[in-house]
Amino acid sequence: MERRKFMRGVLAGGAAAAAAASPAVALSAGAAAGAAAGAPGGDRAYMVGLLQKMADPVLANMARGELKKKFALELSPTWDGRDPGVAYLECFGRLIAGVAPWLALPDDDSAEGRTRKRLREQALQSYTNSVDPKSPDYLLWKGPGQTLVDSAYFTNALMRAPKALWEPLDATTRQRIVDEVKSLRRIEPPYINWMLFAAMNEAFLLSIGEQYDPMRMNVAIRKVNEWYVGDGWIKDGEAFHFDYYNSFVMYPMLVEILEVLAKANGPFWNGKPADLLAQAQKRMQRYGEHLERFISPQGTFPPIGRSLTYRTAAFQPLALLAWRKQLPASLPEGQVRAALASVHKAIWSEPGNFTKDGYLTIGFAGHQPELGDWYSNNGSMYIAASSFLALGLPADDSYWTSPAQDWTQKKAFGGKKFPKDYHVSY
């Protein structure tokens, strides 16, 4: 009953009241109404409104140096006792990595364009505050090992949108970022997905012409390829985990690190970065086919494995492939867009996903703190923004304008023809 009331309130109206409150809220309400009415571009309007809802409180407050003041922390019931201050780096780093492609779109005078420009300006000021020791929102760069993890999302965003987020920064801020990132070499990553976090930071340094450590990149690439078990799946270290870490970390970071290495023609003993990149992309496409088949006719998906509270971040590879225009031929754009929109509506229609102040809570579909892992806090939840990468495509791109198509399970359970699925050898 609570969910139905919430959805009626969001989709049925209130746009005029929202407009009186603020342009930002008005865009979110208008987006939801447009999506409900089946208006042209409804899926995009819905996604923009949802991402804006997620980003607004974080970027607005951090730009003022008030994120730590306003963002009340929620820790998992099984919290391991590490410095909770790392939550602010998790919150900003993970959010900005997902928002970056959208912020990189050119300015225009639409409601979306004006909102995007405002959020970009706030993001730039947030980056400045994040590395300014005098700012109340100076992040926990001297903190525990978790700092390495979330620094990689922080730098990944700068790689995803260099002209929008890196080049406009003043020289002092850019140097501070470089210094903080290099200082994290003091942290030795374990032989699990963490190796990619260290490699991502080195890829960032390489991308901006800074001195970088090729060993931290190349060993991570080699280990991930050694962990490949076939049919698009990668182990996380020596053990196979049936979870979404191929989505959260393995494929997106492997591919984006290799993109930088291939572009720079960096050294890789007994291997060619361009060939490794092509292989990783092909395997990610195969994994993307599995992800698409996980989506039920109602937009739900299996609640499996660690870090389940990362919600829609489980579909980051599909969003990344869409943004890069690299979806496999088996996954038409209109089909993927419709499937991902259904996933977001299934998860984000639950009112408990957000606090009364607009921040994310710990949970999967709503506020479910008992699902938090020992490393989970509400800042961790902002990795969900990575499922919005396709918003980096402009509104007139074919991804957004192609007719919606039923996705695989919707066809299968609707008695329609759908393609068979077989193991692949690459």
Protein backbone atom coordinates (compact mmCIF):
# COMPACT_ATOMS: atom_id res chain seq x y z
CA MET A 1 0.00 0.00 0.00
CA GLU A 2 2.81 2.44 0.92
CA ARG A 3 4.56 1.79 -2.40
CA ARG A 4 1.36 2.33 -4.43
CA LYS A 5 0.69 5.62 -2.66
CA PHE A 6 4.27 6.72 -3.27
CA MET A 7 4.10 5.92 -6.98
CA ARG A 8 0.75 7.69 -7.42
CA GLY A 9 2.21 10.77 -5.77
CA VAL A 10 5.31 10.77 -7.95
CA LEU A 11 3.71 9.91 -11.27
CA ALA A 12 0.33 11.53 -11.10
CA GLY A 13 1.25 15.11 -10.58
CA GLY A 14 2.47 17.63 -8.10
CA ALA A 15 4.62 19.18 -10.81
CA ALA A 16 3.26 22.66 -10.13
CA ALA A 17 4.02 22.42 -6.44
CA ALA A 18 7.45 21.08 -7.25
CA ALA A 19 8.11 23.99 -9.60
CA ALA A 20 7.31 26.41 -6.84
CA ALA A 21 9.76 24.67 -4.56
CA SER A 22 12.81 24.64 -6.85
CA PRO A 23 13.76 24.10 -10.51
CA ALA A 24 15.65 20.97 -9.53
CA VAL A 25 12.64 19.30 -7.93
CA ALA A 26 10.46 20.48 -10.81
CA LEU A 27 12.64 18.66 -13.30
CA SER A 28 12.43 15.45 -11.29
CA ALA A 29 8.65 15.65 -10.99
CA GLY A 30 8.23 16.56 -14.64
CA ALA A 31 10.46 13.69 -15.67
CA ALA A 32 8.42 11.19 -13.71
CA ALA A 33 5.18 12.57 -15.13
CA GLY A 34 6.54 12.43 -18.67
CA ALA A 35 7.65 8.85 -18.24
CA ALA A 36 4.28 7.86 -16.82
CA ALA A 37 2.44 9.50 -19.68
CA GLY A 38 4.54 7.72 -22.29
CA ALA A 39 5.73 11.03 -23.72
CA PRO A 40 8.58 11.04 -26.30
CA GLY A 41 11.85 10.71 -24.45
CA GLY A 42 10.02 9.48 -21.36
CA ASP A 43 12.69 6.95 -20.41
CA ARG A 44 15.40 9.59 -20.60
CA ALA A 45 13.34 12.14 -18.68
CA TYR A 46 12.73 9.60 -15.96
CA MET A 47 16.42 8.66 -15.73
CA VAL A 48 17.57 12.30 -15.68
CA GLY A 49 15.12 13.13 -12.92
CA LEU A 50 16.22 10.17 -10.85
CA LEU A 51 19.93 10.89 -11.26
CA GLN A 52 19.33 14.53 -10.38
CA LYS A 53 17.46 13.49 -7.25
CA MET A 54 20.44 11.39 -6.24
CA ALA A 55 23.05 14.04 -7.04
CA ASP A 56 21.43 17.27 -5.83
CA PRO A 57 21.90 16.99 -2.05
CA VAL A 58 25.46 15.69 -2.34
CA LEU A 59 26.84 18.20 -4.84
CA ALA A 60 24.94 21.21 -3.51
CA ASN A 61 26.20 20.67 0.02
CA MET A 62 29.74 19.66 -0.88
CA ALA A 63 30.12 22.70 -3.11
CA ARG A 64 29.36 24.79 -0.01
CA GLY A 65 31.74 22.73 2.12
CA GLU A 66 28.81 21.32 4.09
CA LEU A 67 28.58 17.66 3.05
CA LYS A 68 30.10 16.37 6.29
CA LYS A 69 27.80 18.70 8.20
CA LYS A 70 24.60 17.72 6.39
CA PHE A 71 25.15 14.07 5.38
CA ALA A 72 24.23 12.02 8.45
CA LEU A 73 26.06 8.71 8.29
CA GLU A 74 24.34 5.35 8.42
CA LEU A 75 26.64 2.40 9.14
CA SER A 76 25.91 -1.27 8.57
CA PRO A 77 24.83 -3.17 11.72
CA THR A 78 27.95 -5.31 11.14
CA TRP A 79 30.32 -2.34 10.61
CA ASP A 80 33.93 -3.43 11.13
CA GLY A 81 35.06 -0.35 13.06
CA ARG A 82 37.11 1.41 10.36
CA ASP A 83 37.18 5.22 10.31
CA PRO A 84 33.65 6.15 9.19
CA GLY A 85 34.99 9.37 7.67
CA VAL A 86 35.78 7.40 4.52
CA ALA A 87 32.02 7.43 3.82
CA TYR A 88 32.24 10.98 2.44
CA LEU A 89 34.85 9.93 -0.13
CA GLU A 90 32.68 6.95 -1.02
CA CYS A 91 29.64 9.18 -1.42
CA PHE A 92 31.27 11.80 -3.64
CA GLY A 93 33.61 9.50 -5.58
CA ARG A 94 31.00 6.92 -6.49
CA LEU A 95 28.35 9.49 -7.33
CA ILE A 96 30.61 11.59 -9.56
CA ALA A 97 31.84 8.54 -11.47
CA GLY A 98 28.27 7.84 -12.54
CA VAL A 99 27.25 11.45 -13.17
CA ALA A 100 30.40 12.41 -15.13
CA PRO A 101 29.32 11.36 -18.65
CA TRP A 102 26.08 13.32 -18.35
CA LEU A 103 27.89 16.39 -17.01
CA ALA A 104 30.18 16.25 -20.05
CA LEU A 105 27.34 16.95 -22.49
CA PRO A 106 27.39 20.46 -24.03
CA ASP A 107 25.30 23.21 -22.47
CA ASP A 108 21.87 24.03 -23.87
CA ASP A 109 18.91 26.09 -22.71
CA SER A 110 16.60 23.18 -21.93
CA ALA A 111 15.51 22.46 -18.36
CA GLU A 112 17.83 19.47 -18.38
CA GLY A 113 20.69 21.55 -19.77
CA ARG A 114 20.32 24.25 -17.13
CA THR A 115 20.22 21.66 -14.34
CA ARG A 116 23.24 19.88 -15.79
CA LYS A 117 25.24 23.11 -15.93
CA ARG A 118 24.42 23.88 -12.29
CA LEU A 119 25.41 20.41 -11.14
CA ARG A 120 28.64 20.56 -13.17
CA GLU A 121 29.63 23.82 -11.49
CA GLN A 122 28.86 22.29 -8.10
CA ALA A 123 30.89 19.20 -9.00
CA LEU A 124 33.92 21.32 -9.89
CA GLN A 125 33.72 23.18 -6.60
CA SER A 126 33.29 19.86 -4.82
CA TYR A 127 36.50 18.57 -6.39
CA THR A 128 38.26 21.71 -5.19
CA ASN A 129 36.97 21.27 -1.65
CA SER A 130 37.78 17.57 -1.62
CA VAL A 131 41.56 18.17 -1.73
CA ASP A 132 41.78 21.50 0.09
CA PRO A 133 43.10 20.85 3.61
CA LYS A 134 41.39 24.03 4.79
CA SER A 135 37.95 22.96 3.56
CA PRO A 136 35.49 21.34 5.99
CA ASP A 137 34.91 18.79 3.23
CA TYR A 138 38.54 17.80 2.76
CA LEU A 139 38.28 14.06 2.24
CA LEU A 140 39.97 11.25 4.15
CA TRP A 141 43.01 10.89 1.90
CA LYS A 142 45.24 9.81 4.78
CA GLY A 143 42.77 7.15 5.81
CA PRO A 144 42.57 3.34 5.75
CA GLY A 145 42.76 0.97 2.81
CA GLN A 146 39.21 1.79 1.78
CA THR A 147 40.52 5.19 0.67
CA LEU A 148 42.28 3.44 -2.23
CA VAL A 149 39.02 1.85 -3.32
CA ASP A 150 37.07 5.05 -3.58
CA SER A 151 39.89 7.17 -4.93
CA ALA A 152 39.54 5.00 -8.04
CA TYR A 153 35.95 6.16 -8.57
CA PHE A 154 37.08 9.74 -7.89
CA THR A 155 39.73 9.46 -10.67
CA ASN A 156 37.53 7.37 -12.96
CA ALA A 157 35.12 10.30 -13.18
CA LEU A 158 37.95 12.58 -14.31
CA MET A 159 38.82 10.06 -17.01
CA ARG A 160 35.20 9.81 -18.13
CA ALA A 161 34.78 13.57 -18.43
CA PRO A 162 38.21 15.23 -18.68
CA LYS A 163 37.06 18.37 -20.48
CA ALA A 164 34.15 18.92 -18.12
CA LEU A 165 35.70 17.96 -14.78
CA TRP A 166 39.51 17.96 -15.04
CA GLU A 167 40.57 20.73 -17.42
CA PRO A 168 38.43 23.48 -15.80
CA LEU A 169 40.02 22.92 -12.38
CA ASP A 170 42.60 25.46 -11.26
CA ALA A 171 46.26 24.46 -11.26
CA THR A 172 46.46 24.20 -7.47
CA THR A 173 43.53 21.79 -7.29
CA ARG A 174 44.88 19.66 -10.13
CA GLN A 175 48.26 19.37 -8.41
CA ARG A 176 46.64 18.52 -5.09
CA ILE A 177 44.66 15.73 -6.75
CA VAL A 178 47.81 14.32 -8.35
CA ASP A 179 49.67 14.45 -5.04
CA GLU A 180 46.87 12.77 -3.09
CA VAL A 181 46.49 10.03 -5.70
CA LYS A 182 50.22 9.29 -5.78
CA SER A 183 50.31 9.19 -1.98
CA LEU A 184 47.93 6.22 -2.06
CA ARG A 185 50.70 4.02 -3.42
CA ARG A 186 51.47 3.44 0.25
CA ILE A 187 48.45 1.07 0.32
CA GLU A 188 49.18 -2.45 -0.88
CA PRO A 189 46.09 -3.89 -2.59
CA PRO A 190 45.23 -7.53 -1.92
CA TYR A 191 45.00 -9.94 -4.85
CA ILE A 192 41.29 -9.37 -5.42
CA ASN A 193 39.29 -6.68 -7.22
CA TRP A 194 41.28 -4.07 -5.25
CA MET A 195 44.14 -4.42 -7.72
CA LEU A 196 41.99 -2.61 -10.26
CA PHE A 197 41.57 0.37 -7.94
CA ALA A 198 45.32 0.87 -7.80
CA ALA A 199 45.51 0.37 -11.57
CA MET A 200 42.73 2.91 -12.20
CA ASN A 201 44.66 5.61 -10.37
CA GLU A 202 47.74 4.89 -12.47
CA ALA A 203 45.64 4.97 -15.64
CA PHE A 204 44.36 8.38 -14.61
CA LEU A 205 47.90 9.64 -14.10
CA LEU A 206 48.90 8.26 -17.50
CA SER A 207 45.88 9.91 -19.12
CA ILE A 208 46.96 13.38 -17.94
CA GLY A 209 50.65 12.93 -18.81
CA GLU A 210 51.86 12.38 -15.24
CA GLN A 211 54.46 9.86 -14.13
CA TYR A 212 52.71 6.54 -13.53
CA ASP A 213 53.61 3.06 -12.34
CA PRO A 214 53.12 0.58 -15.22
CA MET A 215 53.51 -2.40 -12.89
CA ARG A 216 50.43 -1.44 -10.88
CA MET A 217 48.45 -1.35 -14.14
CA ASN A 218 49.91 -4.34 -15.92
CA VAL A 219 49.90 -6.78 -13.00
CA ALA A 220 46.23 -5.97 -12.35
CA ILE A 221 45.36 -6.59 -16.01
CA ARG A 222 47.23 -9.90 -16.00
CA LYS A 223 45.61 -11.10 -12.78
CA VAL A 224 42.08 -10.27 -13.95
CA ASN A 225 42.70 -12.15 -17.19
CA GLU A 226 44.02 -15.10 -15.19
CA TRP A 227 40.80 -15.06 -13.18
CA TYR A 228 38.60 -15.28 -16.28
CA VAL A 229 36.61 -18.52 -15.98
CA GLY A 230 34.75 -18.40 -19.30
CA ASP A 231 31.42 -17.42 -20.83
CA GLY A 232 31.88 -13.81 -19.78
CA TRP A 233 32.52 -14.42 -16.05
CA ILE A 234 35.57 -13.42 -14.00
CA LYS A 235 36.50 -14.67 -10.53
CA ASP A 236 37.31 -12.16 -7.81
CA GLY A 237 40.69 -13.52 -6.80
CA GLU A 238 41.13 -17.24 -6.40
CA ALA A 239 37.48 -17.92 -5.52
CA PHE A 240 34.42 -17.62 -7.73
CA HIS A 241 31.63 -15.52 -6.24
CA PHE A 242 28.14 -15.59 -7.76
CA ASP A 243 27.51 -11.88 -7.32
CA TYR A 244 27.65 -8.62 -9.27
CA TYR A 245 31.32 -7.71 -8.79
CA ASN A 246 31.88 -8.23 -12.51
CA SER A 247 29.52 -5.25 -12.81
CA PHE A 248 30.67 -3.16 -9.86
CA VAL A 249 34.41 -3.39 -10.60
CA MET A 250 35.87 -6.04 -12.86
CA TYR A 251 34.65 -5.22 -16.34
CA PRO A 252 34.18 -1.45 -16.22
CA MET A 253 37.55 -0.80 -14.62
CA LEU A 254 39.43 -3.38 -16.70
CA VAL A 255 38.05 -1.94 -19.94
CA GLU A 256 38.61 1.71 -19.03
CA ILE A 257 42.15 1.05 -17.82
CA LEU A 258 42.92 -0.74 -21.09
CA GLU A 259 41.41 2.11 -23.08
CA VAL A 260 43.97 4.48 -21.59
CA LEU A 261 46.83 2.03 -22.00
CA ALA A 262 45.93 1.34 -25.64
CA LYS A 263 45.51 5.03 -26.46
CA ALA A 264 48.92 5.83 -24.94
CA ASN A 265 50.46 2.73 -26.54
CA GLY A 266 51.85 1.93 -23.12
CA PRO A 267 54.23 -0.96 -22.48
CA PHE A 268 52.87 -4.42 -21.80
CA TRP A 269 55.40 -7.25 -21.92
CA ASN A 270 54.52 -9.94 -24.46
CA GLY A 271 51.14 -8.41 -25.22
CA LYS A 272 49.43 -5.59 -27.10
CA PRO A 273 47.08 -3.32 -25.12
CA ALA A 274 44.80 -2.87 -28.16
CA ASP A 275 44.32 -6.63 -28.45
CA LEU A 276 43.71 -6.97 -24.71
CA LEU A 277 41.14 -4.17 -24.91
CA ALA A 278 39.29 -5.83 -27.78
CA GLN A 279 39.19 -9.09 -25.81
CA ALA A 280 37.91 -7.40 -22.64
CA GLN A 281 35.21 -5.55 -24.57
CA LYS A 282 34.02 -8.75 -26.23
CA ARG A 283 33.86 -10.55 -22.90
CA MET A 284 32.00 -7.64 -21.31
CA GLN A 285 29.48 -7.79 -24.14
CA ARG A 286 28.90 -11.44 -23.34
CA TYR A 287 28.48 -10.65 -19.66
CA GLY A 288 26.05 -7.91 -20.69
CA GLU A 289 23.94 -10.53 -22.44
CA HIS A 290 23.68 -12.42 -19.14
CA LEU A 291 22.72 -9.26 -17.28
CA GLU A 292 19.95 -8.49 -19.76
CA ARG A 293 18.57 -12.00 -19.35
CA PHE A 294 18.50 -11.56 -15.57
CA ILE A 295 15.81 -8.85 -15.91
CA SER A 296 12.33 -10.23 -15.28
CA PRO A 297 9.22 -9.06 -17.17
CA GLN A 298 8.53 -6.78 -14.19
CA GLY A 299 12.05 -5.30 -14.11
CA THR A 300 13.19 -7.23 -11.04
CA PHE A 301 16.49 -9.12 -10.97
CA PRO A 302 18.09 -11.80 -8.74
CA PRO A 303 19.08 -10.47 -5.28
CA ILE A 304 22.32 -12.42 -5.10
CA GLY A 305 25.76 -12.06 -3.56
CA ARG A 306 27.82 -9.44 -1.77
CA SER A 307 27.12 -5.72 -1.86
CA LEU A 308 23.52 -6.25 -2.89
CA THR A 309 22.75 -2.81 -1.50
CA TYR A 310 24.54 -1.27 -4.50
CA ARG A 311 21.17 -1.67 -6.18
CA THR A 312 21.16 -0.81 -9.91
CA ALA A 313 24.98 -0.67 -10.10
CA ALA A 314 24.56 -4.34 -11.04
CA PHE A 315 23.87 -3.08 -14.57
CA GLN A 316 26.88 -0.78 -14.98
CA PRO A 317 28.35 -2.85 -17.87
CA LEU A 318 25.16 -2.53 -19.93
CA ALA A 319 25.07 1.21 -19.28
CA LEU A 320 28.76 1.52 -20.18
CA LEU A 321 28.31 -0.46 -23.40
CA ALA A 322 25.34 1.72 -24.34
CA TRP A 323 27.29 4.92 -23.67
CA ARG A 324 30.24 3.67 -25.70
CA LYS A 325 27.90 2.55 -28.53
CA GLN A 326 29.31 -0.96 -28.11
CA LEU A 327 26.21 -3.01 -27.36
CA PRO A 328 26.40 -6.41 -29.08
CA ALA A 329 24.16 -7.03 -32.07
CA SER A 330 22.09 -9.36 -29.89
CA LEU A 331 21.01 -6.41 -27.72
CA PRO A 332 19.26 -3.64 -29.71
CA GLU A 333 19.36 -0.21 -28.12
CA GLY A 334 15.59 0.07 -27.67
CA GLN A 335 15.54 -3.29 -25.91
CA VAL A 336 18.33 -2.40 -23.49
CA ARG A 337 16.89 1.02 -22.76
CA ALA A 338 13.46 -0.41 -21.98
CA ALA A 339 14.96 -3.15 -19.82
CA LEU A 340 17.12 -0.75 -17.80
CA ALA A 341 14.24 1.68 -17.35
CA SER A 342 12.15 -1.17 -15.97
CA VAL A 343 14.93 -2.12 -13.53
CA HIS A 344 15.24 1.43 -12.24
CA LYS A 345 11.50 1.75 -11.74
CA ALA A 346 11.36 -1.60 -9.90
CA ILE A 347 14.10 -0.53 -7.46
CA TRP A 348 13.70 3.22 -7.09
CA SER A 349 9.90 3.30 -6.72
CA GLU A 350 10.39 2.26 -3.10
CA PRO A 351 10.23 5.44 -0.96
CA GLY A 352 12.64 4.08 1.64
CA ASN A 353 15.59 4.36 -0.76
CA PHE A 354 16.02 8.01 0.31
CA THR A 355 16.05 9.75 3.67
CA LYS A 356 13.82 12.74 4.33
CA ASP A 357 16.85 14.90 3.48
CA GLY A 358 17.27 13.22 0.11
CA TYR A 359 20.28 10.98 0.80
CA LEU A 360 20.50 7.29 -0.04
CA THR A 361 19.86 4.68 2.62
CA ILE A 362 21.31 1.21 3.03
CA GLY A 363 19.09 -1.28 1.26
CA PHE A 364 18.20 -3.03 -1.98
CA ALA A 365 14.62 -1.97 -2.69
CA GLY A 366 13.94 0.46 0.11
CA HIS A 367 15.59 0.90 3.51
CA GLN A 368 16.91 -2.53 4.54
CA PRO A 369 19.93 -1.88 6.79
CA GLU A 370 20.20 -5.56 7.72
CA LEU A 371 21.45 -6.20 4.17
CA GLY A 372 24.53 -4.03 4.76
CA ASP A 373 27.89 -5.78 4.68
CA TRP A 374 30.62 -5.12 7.24
CA TYR A 375 32.09 -2.44 4.94
CA SER A 376 28.76 -0.80 4.02
CA ASN A 377 27.68 2.73 4.83
CA ASN A 378 25.21 5.00 3.10
CA GLY A 379 28.05 6.65 1.18
CA SER A 380 28.79 3.27 -0.39
CA MET A 381 25.32 3.22 -1.91
CA TYR A 382 26.15 5.99 -4.41
CA ILE A 383 27.82 3.48 -6.70
CA ALA A 384 24.26 3.04 -7.99
CA ALA A 385 24.90 6.18 -10.06
CA SER A 386 27.04 4.04 -12.38
CA SER A 387 23.87 2.58 -13.88
CA PHE A 388 23.14 6.01 -15.44
CA LEU A 389 26.17 6.14 -17.77
CA ALA A 390 23.97 6.08 -20.89
CA LEU A 391 22.84 9.60 -20.00
CA GLY A 392 26.20 10.62 -21.47
CA LEU A 393 24.49 10.15 -24.84
CA PRO A 394 22.54 13.24 -26.00
CA ALA A 395 18.76 13.19 -26.04
CA ASP A 396 18.62 12.83 -29.84
CA ASP A 397 20.89 9.77 -29.88
CA SER A 398 19.37 6.58 -31.25
CA TYR A 399 19.66 4.94 -27.83
CA TRP A 400 16.99 7.31 -26.56
CA THR A 401 14.92 7.66 -29.73
CA SER A 402 14.75 4.02 -30.87
CA PRO A 403 11.36 2.38 -30.31
CA ALA A 404 11.18 0.43 -27.07
CA GLN A 405 11.41 -3.33 -27.46
CA ASP A 406 10.59 -6.18 -25.12
CA TRP A 407 13.63 -7.62 -23.39
CA THR A 408 14.44 -11.34 -23.31
CA GLN A 409 12.43 -12.48 -20.29
CA LYS A 410 9.46 -10.37 -21.30
CA LYS A 411 9.46 -12.14 -24.67
CA ALA A 412 10.04 -15.55 -23.09
CA PHE A 413 7.23 -15.30 -20.55
CA GLY A 414 4.96 -13.64 -23.08
CA GLY A 415 5.06 -16.61 -25.40
CA LYS A 416 7.06 -14.73 -28.04
CA LYS A 417 10.11 -15.84 -29.97
CA PHE A 418 13.43 -15.14 -28.28
CA PRO A 419 17.00 -16.24 -29.08
CA LYS A 420 18.59 -19.33 -27.60
CA ASP A 421 21.64 -18.89 -25.43
CA TYR A 422 24.87 -20.88 -25.60
CA HIS A 423 28.31 -20.85 -23.99
CA VAL A 424 30.98 -18.89 -25.85
CA SER A 425 34.65 -19.81 -26.14
CA TYR A 426 36.25 -16.34 -26.01
